[in-house]
Amino acid sequence: MNENLSGDAREMLDLIDGQQRRVDRGLRIPVVWLYTVWAVAWLVGFLALYFAQLGVFDPVAAGIVFAVLIVGSIVASAVIGSRIGRGVRGDSQFAGTVYGLSWSVCSVAFALLGIGLIAEGMPGDLAGIYFPSAYALMCGTLYLAGAAVWHDRLQLVLGLALLVVGAVAPFLGLGPNLLLMAVAGGVVFGAGALVTLRTLSPRR
């Protein structure tokens, strides 16, 4: 009889463990897509701006490509983020909602700040240095916030990396700073996607 009880307990634990893995996988798969979307947006978007700076790509077209990719990434983040939080209630739901909205709100705030500086006489070359670093610093700060809320070490590492990139880029000047953003963004977000994807592998 004890053997039967022991067997039933093991089966119950295996069932709970399997269910937990399915829930965890369901939460992490959208995160892989989020990192991938941002990796592509930064790599392609900033490369377009860099080639425009070199004169091998039309500046207007580069600006459109960059804007479409970044806005698309923000929208994708909002949609995917809302799906991740679906079915969650209480403090976690509130934290997730505020965190998701922070990306859009902060993006608009930084854009308005830049536009205001341009209206006050900031030259175009300086604007080309301000905007990339401003958004790198914004993303880095928000990832640190996410790390604090969800105790996520990966977000902590990504946030710190983006803060370093955003702080160093202005010293390179217009042009090289865009190349740094393209490469660093692709590497940082791409690494986030790969690391998260590895956590989806079945445990042995």
Protein backbone atom coordinates (compact mmCIF):
# COMPACT_ATOMS: atom_id res chain seq x y z
CA MET A 1 0.00 0.00 0.00
CA ASN A 2 2.88 2.35 0.81
CA GLU A 3 4.38 1.63 -2.61
CA ASN A 4 1.09 2.61 -4.28
CA LEU A 5 0.94 5.84 -2.30
CA SER A 6 4.55 6.57 -3.17
CA GLY A 7 3.85 5.91 -6.83
CA ASP A 8 0.78 8.14 -6.79
CA ALA A 9 2.77 10.93 -5.15
CA ARG A 10 5.50 10.69 -7.78
CA GLU A 11 2.94 10.78 -10.57
CA MET A 12 1.30 13.83 -8.99
CA LEU A 13 4.67 15.60 -8.66
CA ASP A 14 5.52 14.75 -12.28
CA LEU A 15 2.16 16.12 -13.37
CA ILE A 16 2.67 19.36 -11.44
CA ASP A 17 6.22 19.69 -12.76
CA GLY A 18 5.06 19.14 -16.34
CA GLN A 19 2.30 21.70 -15.96
CA GLN A 20 4.77 24.22 -14.53
CA ARG A 21 7.12 23.70 -17.47
CA ARG A 22 4.28 24.28 -19.93
CA VAL A 23 3.26 27.51 -18.18
CA ASP A 24 6.87 28.68 -18.03
CA ARG A 25 7.37 27.87 -21.71
CA GLY A 26 4.20 29.77 -22.59
CA LEU A 27 5.56 32.84 -20.81
CA ARG A 28 9.05 32.66 -22.27
CA ILE A 29 8.28 32.03 -25.95
CA PRO A 30 6.82 35.56 -26.41
CA VAL A 31 9.95 36.96 -24.71
CA VAL A 32 12.10 35.28 -27.38
CA TRP A 33 10.02 37.01 -30.05
CA LEU A 34 10.35 40.36 -28.23
CA TYR A 35 14.14 40.17 -28.13
CA THR A 36 14.25 39.03 -31.77
CA VAL A 37 12.05 41.90 -32.94
CA TRP A 38 14.23 44.46 -31.17
CA ALA A 39 17.45 42.84 -32.41
CA VAL A 40 16.28 43.13 -36.03
CA ALA A 41 14.94 46.67 -35.53
CA TRP A 42 18.20 47.98 -34.04
CA LEU A 43 20.48 46.15 -36.45
CA VAL A 44 18.63 47.05 -39.66
CA GLY A 45 17.39 50.47 -38.51
CA PHE A 46 20.71 51.85 -37.30
CA LEU A 47 22.58 50.31 -40.25
CA ALA A 48 20.20 52.19 -42.55
CA LEU A 49 21.00 55.44 -40.74
CA TYR A 50 24.72 54.64 -40.82
CA PHE A 51 24.73 54.02 -44.57
CA ALA A 52 22.75 57.20 -45.08
CA GLN A 53 25.43 59.06 -43.12
CA LEU A 54 28.04 57.56 -45.47
CA GLY A 55 26.01 58.77 -48.45
CA VAL A 56 25.25 55.34 -49.89
CA PHE A 57 21.60 55.32 -48.84
CA ASP A 58 18.92 57.97 -49.16
CA PRO A 59 18.56 59.82 -45.81
CA VAL A 60 14.79 60.15 -46.10
CA ALA A 61 14.37 56.46 -46.89
CA ALA A 62 16.71 55.57 -44.03
CA GLY A 63 14.66 57.70 -41.64
CA ILE A 64 11.45 56.03 -42.77
CA VAL A 65 12.94 52.55 -42.42
CA PHE A 66 14.22 53.35 -38.94
CA ALA A 67 10.94 54.92 -37.80
CA VAL A 68 8.85 52.03 -39.11
CA LEU A 69 11.07 49.44 -37.42
CA ILE A 70 11.16 51.21 -34.05
CA VAL A 71 7.45 52.04 -34.00
CA GLY A 72 6.67 48.50 -35.13
CA SER A 73 8.83 47.12 -32.32
CA ILE A 74 7.06 49.28 -29.74
CA VAL A 75 3.65 48.13 -31.01
CA ALA A 76 4.80 44.50 -31.07
CA SER A 77 6.09 44.88 -27.52
CA ALA A 78 2.74 46.22 -26.35
CA VAL A 79 0.78 43.44 -28.08
CA ILE A 80 3.07 40.60 -27.01
CA GLY A 81 3.37 42.04 -23.50
CA SER A 82 -0.40 42.12 -23.12
CA ARG A 83 -0.60 38.49 -24.18
CA ILE A 84 2.04 37.49 -21.65
CA GLY A 85 0.06 39.11 -18.85
CA ARG A 86 -3.28 37.65 -19.93
CA GLY A 87 -4.90 35.68 -17.16
CA VAL A 88 -2.65 37.14 -14.49
CA ARG A 89 -4.30 39.05 -11.64
CA GLY A 90 -3.22 41.14 -8.67
CA ASP A 91 0.11 42.90 -8.16
CA SER A 92 1.80 41.03 -11.02
CA GLN A 93 -0.85 42.25 -13.46
CA PHE A 94 -0.47 45.84 -12.26
CA ALA A 95 3.34 45.70 -12.49
CA GLY A 96 3.20 44.17 -15.96
CA THR A 97 0.71 46.75 -17.21
CA VAL A 98 2.69 49.70 -15.87
CA TYR A 99 5.93 48.27 -17.21
CA GLY A 100 4.43 47.73 -20.66
CA LEU A 101 3.00 51.24 -20.80
CA SER A 102 6.33 52.68 -19.67
CA TRP A 103 7.93 51.77 -23.00
CA SER A 104 5.42 53.81 -25.00
CA VAL A 105 5.27 56.70 -22.54
CA CYS A 106 9.05 56.98 -22.23
CA SER A 107 9.50 56.72 -26.00
CA VAL A 108 7.16 59.65 -26.55
CA ALA A 109 8.78 61.67 -23.75
CA PHE A 110 12.30 61.23 -25.12
CA ALA A 111 11.09 62.06 -28.63
CA LEU A 112 9.42 65.25 -27.44
CA LEU A 113 12.56 66.23 -25.55
CA GLY A 114 14.62 65.81 -28.68
CA ILE A 115 12.13 67.73 -30.80
CA GLY A 116 12.13 70.51 -28.21
CA LEU A 117 15.93 70.70 -28.29
CA ILE A 118 15.88 70.89 -32.09
CA ALA A 119 13.30 73.67 -31.92
CA GLU A 120 15.66 75.53 -29.57
CA GLY A 121 18.51 75.31 -32.05
CA MET A 122 20.13 71.90 -31.58
CA PRO A 123 21.92 71.11 -34.88
CA GLY A 124 21.14 67.99 -36.88
CA ASP A 125 24.51 66.35 -36.20
CA LEU A 126 23.98 66.70 -32.46
CA ALA A 127 20.44 65.36 -32.79
CA GLY A 128 21.92 62.33 -34.55
CA ILE A 129 23.99 61.73 -31.44
CA TYR A 130 21.25 62.51 -28.92
CA PHE A 131 18.44 60.27 -30.18
CA PRO A 132 20.34 56.94 -30.43
CA SER A 133 21.94 57.34 -27.00
CA ALA A 134 18.74 58.61 -25.42
CA TYR A 135 16.85 55.50 -26.51
CA ALA A 136 19.69 53.17 -25.54
CA LEU A 137 19.67 54.72 -22.07
CA MET A 138 15.88 54.49 -21.96
CA CYS A 139 15.89 50.80 -22.89
CA GLY A 140 18.69 50.07 -20.45
CA THR A 141 16.86 51.79 -17.59
CA LEU A 142 13.60 49.99 -18.34
CA TYR A 143 15.36 46.64 -18.45
CA LEU A 144 16.87 47.38 -15.04
CA ALA A 145 13.36 48.14 -13.79
CA GLY A 146 12.14 44.85 -15.26
CA ALA A 147 15.02 43.01 -13.58
CA ALA A 148 14.07 44.54 -10.23
CA VAL A 149 10.37 43.72 -10.59
CA TRP A 150 10.74 40.12 -11.82
CA HIS A 151 14.16 39.27 -10.33
CA ASP A 152 15.39 38.58 -13.86
CA ARG A 153 19.19 38.48 -14.12
CA LEU A 154 19.10 38.42 -17.91
CA GLN A 155 17.27 41.74 -18.02
CA LEU A 156 19.82 43.10 -15.51
CA VAL A 157 22.72 42.17 -17.79
CA LEU A 158 20.99 43.50 -20.93
CA GLY A 159 20.07 46.73 -19.16
CA LEU A 160 23.62 47.35 -18.00
CA ALA A 161 24.98 46.59 -21.47
CA LEU A 162 22.60 49.08 -23.10
CA LEU A 163 23.48 51.75 -20.55
CA VAL A 164 27.17 51.31 -21.35
CA VAL A 165 26.49 51.51 -25.10
CA GLY A 166 24.33 54.60 -24.72
CA ALA A 167 26.92 56.35 -22.57
CA VAL A 168 29.91 55.50 -24.80
CA ALA A 169 28.34 56.11 -28.23
CA PRO A 170 28.40 59.95 -28.14
CA PHE A 171 32.19 59.95 -27.79
CA LEU A 172 32.49 58.23 -31.18
CA GLY A 173 30.79 61.05 -33.07
CA LEU A 174 28.02 60.92 -35.65
CA GLY A 175 28.36 57.91 -37.92
CA PRO A 176 30.45 55.55 -35.80
CA ASN A 177 27.89 55.92 -33.02
CA LEU A 178 25.19 54.60 -35.38
CA LEU A 179 27.34 51.62 -36.34
CA LEU A 180 27.94 50.89 -32.65
CA MET A 181 24.19 51.02 -31.99
CA ALA A 182 23.48 48.65 -34.88
CA VAL A 183 26.06 46.07 -33.84
CA ALA A 184 25.51 46.37 -30.09
CA GLY A 185 21.72 46.29 -30.43
CA GLY A 186 21.82 43.22 -32.63
CA VAL A 187 24.25 41.46 -30.30
CA VAL A 188 22.58 42.43 -26.99
CA PHE A 189 18.99 41.68 -28.02
CA GLY A 190 20.06 38.67 -30.07
CA ALA A 191 21.90 37.26 -27.06
CA GLY A 192 18.78 37.82 -24.97
CA ALA A 193 16.72 35.83 -27.47
CA LEU A 194 19.24 32.97 -27.58
CA VAL A 195 19.63 32.74 -23.80
CA THR A 196 15.86 32.74 -23.32
CA LEU A 197 15.47 30.15 -26.07
CA ARG A 198 17.95 27.86 -24.32
CA THR A 199 15.81 27.94 -21.18
CA LEU A 200 12.99 26.39 -23.22
CA SER A 201 14.99 23.20 -23.76
CA PRO A 202 13.52 20.22 -21.88
CA ARG A 203 15.16 19.62 -18.52
CA ARG A 204 16.90 16.33 -18.08
